[in-house]
Amino acid sequence: MELLQIITLAIIQGLTEFLPISSSGHLVLAPIVTGWPDQGLALDVATHVGTLVAVIAYFYQDIVKITKAGLTGPFAGRCNKDCKKFYLLILAAVPVALAGLIFADFIEQNLRSALVIALASIGFGLLLQLADVKGPKLRDDTSIGFKDALIIGLMQILALIPGTSRSGITMTAGLMLGLSRKASARFSFLLAIPVIFLAGSYETYKLITEPAKDNWSFIIIAATVAAIVAFLCIHFFLQLINKIGMLPFVIYRVLLGLILLLVFYT
C-alpha cells in the first residue's frame, strides 16, 4: 500500500467511527470506489487501535472514575452512579460481542456489498432521524438503567451489518428511550471502548495466527492519524450535536445510499 492510501483510510476510520455514518461501510467501499487493493488486516487493527486511544484519551477522567467505582464499589457494599455505569457498559457490550463471534464469517462472506451498504445507510439513517424527531430527549446519561442498556446493546447487533453505523444505531436507541442527543452520544462513545477493544483483540488474534510482512512505519502512521482525527471528531460532535441535530448526517447517509444504488445498480 502507498502512503496516500494509508492516510486516507486512517482519516476515514477516524471520522466515521464516531459519526453516525458507518465506518465499516466506508472502509468496505473505499477499495471498490478507488480501485485500491484491500487494506488488509494489519491496517484494520492499526486504525482500531487509533480510535480506541482517541476515545480513552478524551474520556480519560470519566473512565478512571467509572472503572475504579465498578471494581471497588460492590466489595465496599455500595454502588454509586459511576459503579452502575461500569456494569451498564459491560451489559450493553455483551450482545454484539456474542453476535460478532457467531455471525462474523457469514457477514464477511455475504453482506460486504455496495447494495447492503446503500440500503443500510438509507434505512437506518431514516430511523435515526425518526428517533431524533420523535424522541422526547429529556433524560441524561445518569438515568440509564439496566433495561435501557440491554435495549441499546441488542440494537447494537445491527451495527454488524456494513452501512448501519455502530454509533448511529446506539444513538438511535438512546433517542428512542428518551435520552438527550448529548447523553445518547456520550453513552455511545463510552460503549465504543469495550466494543472496539473486543473487535481489535479479535483482529489482532487473527493477525498473529496468520502472520504477514507488514510495513510497521505505515501501521504506526495509520494508528496515529486515526487517533488524532477521531479525538477531534468526538470533541466537535459533542460540542455541536445539540445545535445541529442528526439531520445533516441523515442527509449524507441517504445521498450516499442513493449514489451507490445509481452507480452500481442502474
C-alpha atoms as a PDB file:
ATOM      1  CA  MET A   1       0.000   0.000   0.000  1.00  0.00           C
ATOM      2  CA  GLU A   2       1.046   3.550  -0.676  1.00  0.00           C
ATOM      3  CA  LEU A   3       1.235   6.263   1.968  1.00  0.00           C
ATOM      4  CA  LEU A   4      -1.723   8.142   0.426  1.00  0.00           C
ATOM      5  CA  GLN A   5      -3.956   5.089   0.813  1.00  0.00           C
ATOM      6  CA  ILE A   6      -2.816   4.561   4.410  1.00  0.00           C
ATOM      7  CA  ILE A   7      -3.533   8.154   5.436  1.00  0.00           C
ATOM      8  CA  THR A   8      -6.838   8.311   3.564  1.00  0.00           C
ATOM      9  CA  LEU A   9      -8.174   5.129   5.165  1.00  0.00           C
ATOM     10  CA  ALA A  10      -6.986   6.239   8.609  1.00  0.00           C
ATOM     11  CA  ILE A  11      -8.832   9.548   8.199  1.00  0.00           C
ATOM     12  CA  ILE A  12     -11.966   7.705   7.063  1.00  0.00           C
ATOM     13  CA  GLN A  13     -11.818   5.407  10.100  1.00  0.00           C
ATOM     14  CA  GLY A  14     -11.145   8.286  12.484  1.00  0.00           C
ATOM     15  CA  LEU A  15     -14.092  10.291  11.162  1.00  0.00           C
ATOM     16  CA  THR A  16     -16.642   7.581  10.659  1.00  0.00           C
ATOM     17  CA  GLU A  17     -16.086   5.503  13.814  1.00  0.00           C
ATOM     18  CA  PHE A  18     -17.881   8.082  15.940  1.00  0.00           C
ATOM     19  CA  LEU A  19     -20.037   9.972  13.451  1.00  0.00           C
ATOM     20  CA  PRO A  20     -23.346   8.160  12.784  1.00  0.00           C
ATOM     21  CA  ILE A  21     -22.455   7.316   9.182  1.00  0.00           C
ATOM     22  CA  SER A  22     -20.798   3.844   9.422  1.00  0.00           C
ATOM     23  CA  SER A  23     -17.051   3.231   9.486  1.00  0.00           C
ATOM     24  CA  SER A  24     -17.309  -0.353   8.224  1.00  0.00           C
ATOM     25  CA  GLY A  25     -19.417   0.737   5.274  1.00  0.00           C
ATOM     26  CA  HIS A  26     -16.936   3.405   4.209  1.00  0.00           C
ATOM     27  CA  LEU A  27     -13.940   1.092   4.590  1.00  0.00           C
ATOM     28  CA  VAL A  28     -15.671  -1.594   2.511  1.00  0.00           C
ATOM     29  CA  LEU A  29     -16.498   0.996  -0.151  1.00  0.00           C
ATOM     30  CA  ALA A  30     -13.042   2.581  -0.292  1.00  0.00           C
ATOM     31  CA  PRO A  31     -11.337  -0.137  -2.404  1.00  0.00           C
ATOM     32  CA  ILE A  32     -14.481  -0.508  -4.552  1.00  0.00           C
ATOM     33  CA  VAL A  33     -14.599   3.197  -5.397  1.00  0.00           C
ATOM     34  CA  THR A  34     -10.865   3.907  -5.666  1.00  0.00           C
ATOM     35  CA  GLY A  35      -9.628   0.634  -7.111  1.00  0.00           C
ATOM     36  CA  TRP A  36      -7.080   0.368  -4.316  1.00  0.00           C
ATOM     37  CA  PRO A  37      -6.152  -3.114  -3.111  1.00  0.00           C
ATOM     38  CA  ASP A  38      -7.813  -4.345   0.067  1.00  0.00           C
ATOM     39  CA  GLN A  39      -6.206  -2.625   3.028  1.00  0.00           C
ATOM     40  CA  GLY A  40      -5.583  -5.874   4.866  1.00  0.00           C
ATOM     41  CA  LEU A  41      -5.980  -6.919   8.466  1.00  0.00           C
ATOM     42  CA  ALA A  42      -2.944  -5.053   9.820  1.00  0.00           C
ATOM     43  CA  LEU A  43      -4.358  -1.674   8.821  1.00  0.00           C
ATOM     44  CA  ASP A  44      -7.750  -2.573  10.322  1.00  0.00           C
ATOM     45  CA  VAL A  45      -6.008  -3.343  13.613  1.00  0.00           C
ATOM     46  CA  ALA A  46      -3.960  -0.124  13.459  1.00  0.00           C
ATOM     47  CA  THR A  47      -6.955   2.133  12.831  1.00  0.00           C
ATOM     48  CA  HIS A  48      -8.997   0.379  15.538  1.00  0.00           C
ATOM     49  CA  VAL A  49      -6.142   0.939  17.990  1.00  0.00           C
ATOM     50  CA  GLY A  50      -6.037   4.591  16.950  1.00  0.00           C
ATOM     51  CA  THR A  51      -9.751   5.178  17.535  1.00  0.00           C
ATOM     52  CA  LEU A  52      -9.581   3.291  20.843  1.00  0.00           C
ATOM     53  CA  VAL A  53      -6.715   5.503  22.021  1.00  0.00           C
ATOM     54  CA  ALA A  54      -8.716   8.574  20.997  1.00  0.00           C
ATOM     55  CA  VAL A  55     -11.877   7.720  22.930  1.00  0.00           C
ATOM     56  CA  ILE A  56      -9.887   6.662  26.011  1.00  0.00           C
ATOM     57  CA  ALA A  57      -7.885   9.899  25.902  1.00  0.00           C
ATOM     58  CA  TYR A  58     -10.990  12.043  25.518  1.00  0.00           C
ATOM     59  CA  PHE A  59     -12.941  10.389  28.332  1.00  0.00           C
ATOM     60  CA  TYR A  60      -9.908   9.540  30.466  1.00  0.00           C
ATOM     61  CA  GLN A  61     -11.183  11.099  33.697  1.00  0.00           C
ATOM     62  CA  ASP A  62     -14.630   9.529  33.283  1.00  0.00           C
ATOM     63  CA  ILE A  63     -13.093   6.147  32.527  1.00  0.00           C
ATOM     64  CA  VAL A  64     -10.894   6.238  35.629  1.00  0.00           C
ATOM     65  CA  LYS A  65     -13.862   7.119  37.852  1.00  0.00           C
ATOM     66  CA  ILE A  66     -16.175   4.561  36.259  1.00  0.00           C
ATOM     67  CA  THR A  67     -13.614   1.743  36.324  1.00  0.00           C
ATOM     68  CA  LYS A  68     -12.474   2.440  39.881  1.00  0.00           C
ATOM     69  CA  ALA A  69     -16.067   2.593  41.115  1.00  0.00           C
ATOM     70  CA  GLY A  70     -17.038  -0.553  39.216  1.00  0.00           C
ATOM     71  CA  LEU A  71     -14.148  -2.601  40.563  1.00  0.00           C
ATOM     72  CA  THR A  72     -14.342  -1.437  44.168  1.00  0.00           C
ATOM     73  CA  GLY A  73     -17.973  -0.440  44.741  1.00  0.00           C
ATOM     74  CA  PRO A  74     -19.568  -3.886  45.119  1.00  0.00           C
ATOM     75  CA  PHE A  75     -16.870  -5.022  47.555  1.00  0.00           C
ATOM     76  CA  ALA A  76     -17.349  -1.877  49.632  1.00  0.00           C
ATOM     77  CA  GLY A  77     -21.076  -2.528  49.858  1.00  0.00           C
ATOM     78  CA  ARG A  78     -22.099   0.426  47.721  1.00  0.00           C
ATOM     79  CA  CYS A  79     -22.528   1.093  44.021  1.00  0.00           C
ATOM     80  CA  ASN A  80     -22.823   4.755  43.042  1.00  0.00           C
ATOM     81  CA  LYS A  81     -23.755   6.115  39.603  1.00  0.00           C
ATOM     82  CA  ASP A  82     -20.222   5.556  38.235  1.00  0.00           C
ATOM     83  CA  CYS A  83     -20.187   1.981  39.518  1.00  0.00           C
ATOM     84  CA  LYS A  84     -23.575   1.391  37.930  1.00  0.00           C
ATOM     85  CA  LYS A  85     -22.392   2.810  34.593  1.00  0.00           C
ATOM     86  CA  PHE A  86     -19.428   0.397  34.610  1.00  0.00           C
ATOM     87  CA  TYR A  87     -21.791  -2.589  34.637  1.00  0.00           C
ATOM     88  CA  LEU A  88     -24.260  -0.949  32.240  1.00  0.00           C
ATOM     89  CA  LEU A  89     -21.479  -0.605  29.654  1.00  0.00           C
ATOM     90  CA  ILE A  90     -20.452  -4.238  30.109  1.00  0.00           C
ATOM     91  CA  LEU A  91     -24.062  -5.382  29.748  1.00  0.00           C
ATOM     92  CA  ALA A  92     -24.563  -3.307  26.600  1.00  0.00           C
ATOM     93  CA  ALA A  93     -21.364  -4.682  25.030  1.00  0.00           C
ATOM     94  CA  VAL A  94     -22.182  -8.371  25.551  1.00  0.00           C
ATOM     95  CA  PRO A  95     -24.850  -8.853  22.822  1.00  0.00           C
ATOM     96  CA  VAL A  96     -22.725  -7.528  19.952  1.00  0.00           C
ATOM     97  CA  ALA A  97     -19.670  -9.448  21.177  1.00  0.00           C
ATOM     98  CA  LEU A  98     -21.585 -12.736  21.110  1.00  0.00           C
ATOM     99  CA  ALA A  99     -23.282 -11.940  17.799  1.00  0.00           C
ATOM    100  CA  GLY A 100     -19.953 -10.966  16.263  1.00  0.00           C
ATOM    101  CA  LEU A 101     -18.392 -14.297  17.193  1.00  0.00           C
ATOM    102  CA  ILE A 102     -21.352 -16.210  15.801  1.00  0.00           C
ATOM    103  CA  PHE A 103     -22.025 -14.273  12.600  1.00  0.00           C
ATOM    104  CA  ALA A 104     -18.631 -12.750  11.679  1.00  0.00           C
ATOM    105  CA  ASP A 105     -17.876 -15.221   8.877  1.00  0.00           C
ATOM    106  CA  PHE A 106     -21.408 -15.015   7.432  1.00  0.00           C
ATOM    107  CA  ILE A 107     -21.282 -11.223   7.373  1.00  0.00           C
ATOM    108  CA  GLU A 108     -17.821 -11.225   5.809  1.00  0.00           C
ATOM    109  CA  GLN A 109     -18.953 -13.554   3.009  1.00  0.00           C
ATOM    110  CA  ASN A 110     -22.465 -12.245   2.332  1.00  0.00           C
ATOM    111  CA  LEU A 111     -23.013  -8.662   3.473  1.00  0.00           C
ATOM    112  CA  ARG A 112     -19.953  -6.716   2.337  1.00  0.00           C
ATOM    113  CA  SER A 113     -21.543  -5.352  -0.824  1.00  0.00           C
ATOM    114  CA  ALA A 114     -22.463  -1.901  -2.133  1.00  0.00           C
ATOM    115  CA  LEU A 115     -26.162  -2.886  -2.151  1.00  0.00           C
ATOM    116  CA  VAL A 116     -26.202  -3.830   1.529  1.00  0.00           C
ATOM    117  CA  ILE A 117     -24.298  -0.666   2.460  1.00  0.00           C
ATOM    118  CA  ALA A 118     -26.657   1.509   0.405  1.00  0.00           C
ATOM    119  CA  LEU A 119     -29.834   0.028   1.878  1.00  0.00           C
ATOM    120  CA  ALA A 120     -28.479   0.048   5.435  1.00  0.00           C
ATOM    121  CA  SER A 121     -27.232   3.617   5.069  1.00  0.00           C
ATOM    122  CA  ILE A 122     -30.632   4.852   3.892  1.00  0.00           C
ATOM    123  CA  GLY A 123     -32.836   2.703   6.127  1.00  0.00           C
ATOM    124  CA  PHE A 124     -31.001   3.190   9.406  1.00  0.00           C
ATOM    125  CA  GLY A 125     -30.371   6.833   8.566  1.00  0.00           C
ATOM    126  CA  LEU A 126     -34.108   7.466   8.277  1.00  0.00           C
ATOM    127  CA  LEU A 127     -34.639   5.546  11.533  1.00  0.00           C
ATOM    128  CA  LEU A 128     -32.090   7.828  13.216  1.00  0.00           C
ATOM    129  CA  GLN A 129     -33.967  10.903  12.013  1.00  0.00           C
ATOM    130  CA  LEU A 130     -37.281   9.483  13.211  1.00  0.00           C
ATOM    131  CA  ALA A 131     -35.808   8.849  16.662  1.00  0.00           C
ATOM    132  CA  ASP A 132     -34.304  12.342  16.746  1.00  0.00           C
ATOM    133  CA  VAL A 133     -37.603  13.992  15.827  1.00  0.00           C
ATOM    134  CA  LYS A 134     -39.939  11.846  17.936  1.00  0.00           C
ATOM    135  CA  GLY A 135     -37.726  11.192  20.967  1.00  0.00           C
ATOM    136  CA  PRO A 136     -38.508  13.456  23.944  1.00  0.00           C
ATOM    137  CA  LYS A 137     -34.776  13.983  24.632  1.00  0.00           C
ATOM    138  CA  LEU A 138     -35.382  14.708  28.323  1.00  0.00           C
ATOM    139  CA  ARG A 139     -33.132  12.162  30.056  1.00  0.00           C
ATOM    140  CA  ASP A 140     -29.414  12.442  30.807  1.00  0.00           C
ATOM    141  CA  ASP A 141     -26.994   9.523  30.864  1.00  0.00           C
ATOM    142  CA  THR A 142     -27.230   9.129  34.659  1.00  0.00           C
ATOM    143  CA  SER A 143     -30.834   7.959  34.194  1.00  0.00           C
ATOM    144  CA  ILE A 144     -29.855   4.938  32.083  1.00  0.00           C
ATOM    145  CA  GLY A 145     -30.922   1.682  33.710  1.00  0.00           C
ATOM    146  CA  PHE A 146     -30.155  -1.967  33.023  1.00  0.00           C
ATOM    147  CA  LYS A 147     -33.204  -2.355  30.759  1.00  0.00           C
ATOM    148  CA  ASP A 148     -32.056   0.670  28.722  1.00  0.00           C
ATOM    149  CA  ALA A 149     -28.514  -0.706  28.459  1.00  0.00           C
ATOM    150  CA  LEU A 150     -29.785  -4.083  27.310  1.00  0.00           C
ATOM    151  CA  ILE A 151     -32.000  -2.497  24.631  1.00  0.00           C
ATOM    152  CA  ILE A 152     -29.108  -0.358  23.386  1.00  0.00           C
ATOM    153  CA  GLY A 153     -26.854  -3.429  23.409  1.00  0.00           C
ATOM    154  CA  LEU A 154     -29.337  -5.509  21.420  1.00  0.00           C
ATOM    155  CA  MET A 155     -29.799  -2.699  18.882  1.00  0.00           C
ATOM    156  CA  GLN A 156     -26.019  -2.525  18.559  1.00  0.00           C
ATOM    157  CA  ILE A 157     -26.040  -6.008  16.997  1.00  0.00           C
ATOM    158  CA  LEU A 158     -27.437  -4.369  13.850  1.00  0.00           C
ATOM    159  CA  ALA A 159     -24.138  -2.481  13.538  1.00  0.00           C
ATOM    160  CA  LEU A 160     -22.554  -5.720  12.324  1.00  0.00           C
ATOM    161  CA  ILE A 161     -24.310  -5.007   9.021  1.00  0.00           C
ATOM    162  CA  PRO A 162     -21.991  -2.750   6.962  1.00  0.00           C
ATOM    163  CA  GLY A 163     -23.585   0.648   6.440  1.00  0.00           C
ATOM    164  CA  THR A 164     -25.569   0.629   9.695  1.00  0.00           C
ATOM    165  CA  SER A 165     -23.098   2.543  11.935  1.00  0.00           C
ATOM    166  CA  ARG A 166     -22.401   1.419  15.479  1.00  0.00           C
ATOM    167  CA  SER A 167     -22.585   4.934  16.853  1.00  0.00           C
ATOM    168  CA  GLY A 168     -25.638   5.670  14.726  1.00  0.00           C
ATOM    169  CA  ILE A 169     -27.692   2.691  15.885  1.00  0.00           C
ATOM    170  CA  THR A 170     -26.772   3.142  19.557  1.00  0.00           C
ATOM    171  CA  MET A 171     -27.666   6.832  19.390  1.00  0.00           C
ATOM    172  CA  THR A 172     -30.930   5.868  17.680  1.00  0.00           C
ATOM    173  CA  ALA A 173     -31.713   3.508  20.544  1.00  0.00           C
ATOM    174  CA  GLY A 174     -30.806   6.148  23.115  1.00  0.00           C
ATOM    175  CA  LEU A 175     -33.025   8.764  21.472  1.00  0.00           C
ATOM    176  CA  MET A 176     -35.893   6.280  21.269  1.00  0.00           C
ATOM    177  CA  LEU A 177     -35.502   5.696  25.011  1.00  0.00           C
ATOM    178  CA  GLY A 178     -35.835   9.426  25.664  1.00  0.00           C
ATOM    179  CA  LEU A 179     -32.173  10.339  26.152  1.00  0.00           C
ATOM    180  CA  SER A 180     -30.941  13.726  25.013  1.00  0.00           C
ATOM    181  CA  ARG A 181     -28.708  13.901  21.958  1.00  0.00           C
ATOM    182  CA  LYS A 182     -25.607  14.550  24.049  1.00  0.00           C
ATOM    183  CA  ALA A 183     -26.467  11.790  26.544  1.00  0.00           C
ATOM    184  CA  SER A 184     -27.033   9.329  23.699  1.00  0.00           C
ATOM    185  CA  ALA A 185     -23.722  10.301  22.123  1.00  0.00           C
ATOM    186  CA  ARG A 186     -21.742  10.109  25.384  1.00  0.00           C
ATOM    187  CA  PHE A 187     -23.075   6.651  26.222  1.00  0.00           C
ATOM    188  CA  SER A 188     -22.437   5.516  22.640  1.00  0.00           C
ATOM    189  CA  PHE A 189     -18.835   6.768  22.740  1.00  0.00           C
ATOM    190  CA  LEU A 190     -18.129   5.168  26.129  1.00  0.00           C
ATOM    191  CA  LEU A 191     -19.700   1.951  24.858  1.00  0.00           C
ATOM    192  CA  ALA A 192     -17.261   2.077  21.927  1.00  0.00           C
ATOM    193  CA  ILE A 193     -14.392   1.337  24.323  1.00  0.00           C
ATOM    194  CA  PRO A 194     -15.254  -2.305  25.161  1.00  0.00           C
ATOM    195  CA  VAL A 195     -16.639  -2.910  21.667  1.00  0.00           C
ATOM    196  CA  ILE A 196     -13.577  -1.578  19.807  1.00  0.00           C
ATOM    197  CA  PHE A 197     -11.292  -3.341  22.290  1.00  0.00           C
ATOM    198  CA  LEU A 198     -13.018  -6.690  21.674  1.00  0.00           C
ATOM    199  CA  ALA A 199     -13.096  -6.224  17.892  1.00  0.00           C
ATOM    200  CA  GLY A 200      -9.463  -5.110  17.840  1.00  0.00           C
ATOM    201  CA  SER A 201      -8.415  -8.030  20.038  1.00  0.00           C
ATOM    202  CA  TYR A 202     -10.124 -10.476  17.700  1.00  0.00           C
ATOM    203  CA  GLU A 203      -8.451  -8.901  14.662  1.00  0.00           C
ATOM    204  CA  THR A 204      -5.094  -8.912  16.455  1.00  0.00           C
ATOM    205  CA  TYR A 205      -5.506 -12.613  17.224  1.00  0.00           C
ATOM    206  CA  LYS A 206      -6.182 -13.322  13.544  1.00  0.00           C
ATOM    207  CA  LEU A 207      -3.186 -11.211  12.571  1.00  0.00           C
ATOM    208  CA  ILE A 208      -0.912 -13.117  14.937  1.00  0.00           C
ATOM    209  CA  THR A 209      -2.162 -16.513  13.780  1.00  0.00           C
ATOM    210  CA  GLU A 210      -1.860 -15.512  10.117  1.00  0.00           C
ATOM    211  CA  PRO A 211       1.412 -13.576  10.076  1.00  0.00           C
ATOM    212  CA  ALA A 212       2.273 -11.443   7.088  1.00  0.00           C
ATOM    213  CA  LYS A 213       5.012  -8.991   6.242  1.00  0.00           C
ATOM    214  CA  ASP A 214       3.762  -5.538   7.121  1.00  0.00           C
ATOM    215  CA  ASN A 215       5.372  -2.122   6.999  1.00  0.00           C
ATOM    216  CA  TRP A 216       5.335  -1.137  10.670  1.00  0.00           C
ATOM    217  CA  SER A 217       6.056   2.515   9.948  1.00  0.00           C
ATOM    218  CA  PHE A 218       2.863   2.669   7.856  1.00  0.00           C
ATOM    219  CA  ILE A 219       0.919   0.908  10.628  1.00  0.00           C
ATOM    220  CA  ILE A 220       2.134   3.454  13.201  1.00  0.00           C
ATOM    221  CA  ILE A 221       1.205   6.310  10.866  1.00  0.00           C
ATOM    222  CA  ALA A 222      -2.277   4.848  10.361  1.00  0.00           C
ATOM    223  CA  ALA A 223      -2.888   4.463  14.095  1.00  0.00           C
ATOM    224  CA  THR A 224      -1.644   7.986  14.823  1.00  0.00           C
ATOM    225  CA  VAL A 225      -3.715   9.651  12.103  1.00  0.00           C
ATOM    226  CA  ALA A 226      -6.841   7.703  13.094  1.00  0.00           C
ATOM    227  CA  ALA A 227      -6.342   8.680  16.755  1.00  0.00           C
ATOM    228  CA  ILE A 228      -5.939  12.406  16.044  1.00  0.00           C
ATOM    229  CA  VAL A 229      -8.899  12.563  13.669  1.00  0.00           C
ATOM    230  CA  ALA A 230     -11.128  10.519  15.998  1.00  0.00           C
ATOM    231  CA  PHE A 231     -10.265  12.685  19.020  1.00  0.00           C
ATOM    232  CA  LEU A 232     -11.169  15.869  17.141  1.00  0.00           C
ATOM    233  CA  CYS A 233     -14.305  14.220  15.783  1.00  0.00           C
ATOM    234  CA  ILE A 234     -15.546  13.294  19.276  1.00  0.00           C
ATOM    235  CA  HIS A 235     -14.816  16.784  20.595  1.00  0.00           C
ATOM    236  CA  PHE A 236     -16.614  18.714  17.865  1.00  0.00           C
ATOM    237  CA  PHE A 237     -19.511  16.262  17.624  1.00  0.00           C
ATOM    238  CA  LEU A 238     -20.317  16.647  21.327  1.00  0.00           C
ATOM    239  CA  GLN A 239     -19.964  20.429  21.060  1.00  0.00           C
ATOM    240  CA  LEU A 240     -22.301  20.742  18.077  1.00  0.00           C
ATOM    241  CA  ILE A 241     -24.810  17.912  18.272  1.00  0.00           C
ATOM    242  CA  ASN A 242     -27.417  19.775  20.341  1.00  0.00           C
ATOM    243  CA  LYS A 243     -27.301  22.656  17.843  1.00  0.00           C
ATOM    244  CA  ILE A 244     -27.310  20.807  14.532  1.00  0.00           C
ATOM    245  CA  GLY A 245     -29.159  17.606  15.411  1.00  0.00           C
ATOM    246  CA  MET A 246     -28.926  14.423  13.379  1.00  0.00           C
ATOM    247  CA  LEU A 247     -30.362  15.765  10.103  1.00  0.00           C
ATOM    248  CA  PRO A 248     -27.021  16.615   8.385  1.00  0.00           C
ATOM    249  CA  PHE A 249     -25.797  13.060   8.957  1.00  0.00           C
ATOM    250  CA  VAL A 250     -29.103  11.581   7.801  1.00  0.00           C
ATOM    251  CA  ILE A 251     -28.994  13.631   4.596  1.00  0.00           C
ATOM    252  CA  TYR A 252     -25.436  12.440   3.976  1.00  0.00           C
ATOM    253  CA  ARG A 253     -26.447   8.806   4.557  1.00  0.00           C
ATOM    254  CA  VAL A 254     -29.426   8.991   2.219  1.00  0.00           C
ATOM    255  CA  LEU A 255     -27.426  10.712  -0.522  1.00  0.00           C
ATOM    256  CA  LEU A 256     -24.605   8.188  -0.161  1.00  0.00           C
ATOM    257  CA  GLY A 257     -27.064   5.291  -0.402  1.00  0.00           C
ATOM    258  CA  LEU A 258     -28.796   6.742  -3.464  1.00  0.00           C
ATOM    259  CA  ILE A 259     -25.481   7.416  -5.226  1.00  0.00           C
ATOM    260  CA  LEU A 260     -24.370   3.829  -4.589  1.00  0.00           C
ATOM    261  CA  LEU A 261     -27.624   2.478  -5.969  1.00  0.00           C
ATOM    262  CA  LEU A 262     -27.322   4.659  -9.074  1.00  0.00           C
ATOM    263  CA  VAL A 263     -23.666   3.868  -9.703  1.00  0.00           C
ATOM    264  CA  PHE A 264     -23.700   0.133  -9.070  1.00  0.00           C
ATOM    265  CA  TYR A 265     -27.272  -0.954  -9.816  1.00  0.00           C
ATOM    266  CA  THR A 266     -28.533   1.079 -12.778  1.00  0.00           C
END
